Amino acid sequence: MFKTQIVKLLSRKYATKTKIAVSKPIVEIDGDEMTKIIFAEIKNKLILPFVELGRDYYDCSLPNRNATKNQVSKDAAEAILRHNVGIKCSTITPDEERVKEFNLTQMWPSPNGMIRNALNGTQFRESIICRNVNKYVRGWTKPIIMGRHTFGDQYGGKDLTIEKPSKIYLTVKTGDHEEKFEIFDYKNRGVAMVTFNTEDSIRNFATSCFRMALERQFPVYFATKSTLLKQYDKLFNDVFLEVYEKNFKSKFAQANLTFELRLIDDMAAQAMKSSGGFLWALKSYDGDVLSDVVGQGFGSMGLMIHSLISHDGRTIMTEPAHGTVTRHFREYQKGVKVSTNPISSIFAWTRGLQHRAKLDNNPDLGSFAQTLEKSTISTVEEGLVTKDLAPCVFGTEFREDQYLGTSEFIDKVAQKLGKLV
């Protein structure tokens, strides 16, 4: 049943004019579950009929990561650095239940961490705005770009369980000198965590955010909790101010743009009252959480663009802003019609292709990617939507006949695209 469905969804052919030639390849990173199905449909219905595209392919699905002992993730990261453009499907980050489900030899990490470290970049997320999609935060009429620092902090730190009464210390060793700080005296069982960061990584992050803001003509807000973390967050603030003053202040003035340091709780409240139209820079954990809040506030995580851009701006990895959509995949396996929003996955392809076009000076490819984005947005604005967007377009009492299945939606976009290219 499952294999038959895949054959059917890839069997339809779409007529096309002369294909757009792309001289250099992109790295295609395959993934898991429902997004794997969606990526295959997008590639075969919306990309390959129109573009002659070389693809350096890596299967980063969980079974193949296990079979290769995660070597495939390392190979994919190295390939992105070679080719400068990676387009990635969502992948499973296994927990204990997944280890049993897939009979894994160990709890393999997400490929994302390895790729982030290889690219040494900044993660940017931005919602796609469709006129007819009523937002959960009604005042947001302009995009909010979320810039997330991806080095260190909780994701690179060390956490551990303290099983019995203990004292925990932090030891700092510099050459022959060693200094020890007592952190906490445990009377019973507890937990501990150590996080870290570097001035160089913060400097690169700040530079990326200011450069993106100038490109998009948006003001920048950098939000921390410096009143609490008086040394840790203060370094972030000091570096942002230094980079701004030395390298961007005059450029921002010429563009009539501003930069502000804000406390994160104050900024979160201010963002809810705003109309949008700014770049919000955040530390890693804060950016992870609040980018999902912002994405949902605009209507759906399926309407969010996700890019990881190297600090020199030359290399990019794009991917959907959501996970593998396991619940929908289980229904799909049963042969049930599913209505997963493919828009974030479509924009992963278009933004990757736009970067390939920019690097290669290929205006035809850039124009095609923009046309595919416009075709997707106009499909939604005609009222042709997936189930997650139905309440934002038709209200909470929407009918089943008012939304499309995933394949039906992609077909509608393909029909519209075929008339424009």
Foldseek 3Di string as FASTA:
>chain_A
DLVVVLCVLLVDDDAFDDAAEFDAAAEEEAADFQQNSLLSNCCRQPNVNHHPHDYNYAYPEPLVCQVVVNVSLVVSLVVLVVRQFYQYEFYDQDDPVVCVVSVGPDRDGDSVLVNCVSLLFKKKKKFDAFPQFQFLLNLAPDIEIEIEQNDKDQVNKDKDKDAAFDWDWDWDDDPPDIDIGTDDTDHHIDMDIDIDDDLVSLLLSLLQQLVVCLVVVAAEEEEAQCVVVVPRVVSSVVSNVVCCVPPNVVVCVVSVYYYYYYHPVVVVVVVSVHNHRHYYYYYHVVSLPVSQVVNNRSQHLLRMWMKTARSVRRHIYTYRSDHNPNVQSVCVVVVHFAFDRCNNSLLSVLVSQLSSCVVVVRVVSNVLSVLLNVLLSVLVNVQAATPSSCCSRPNPPDDPVSYDTSSVSSVSSSVSSNVPD
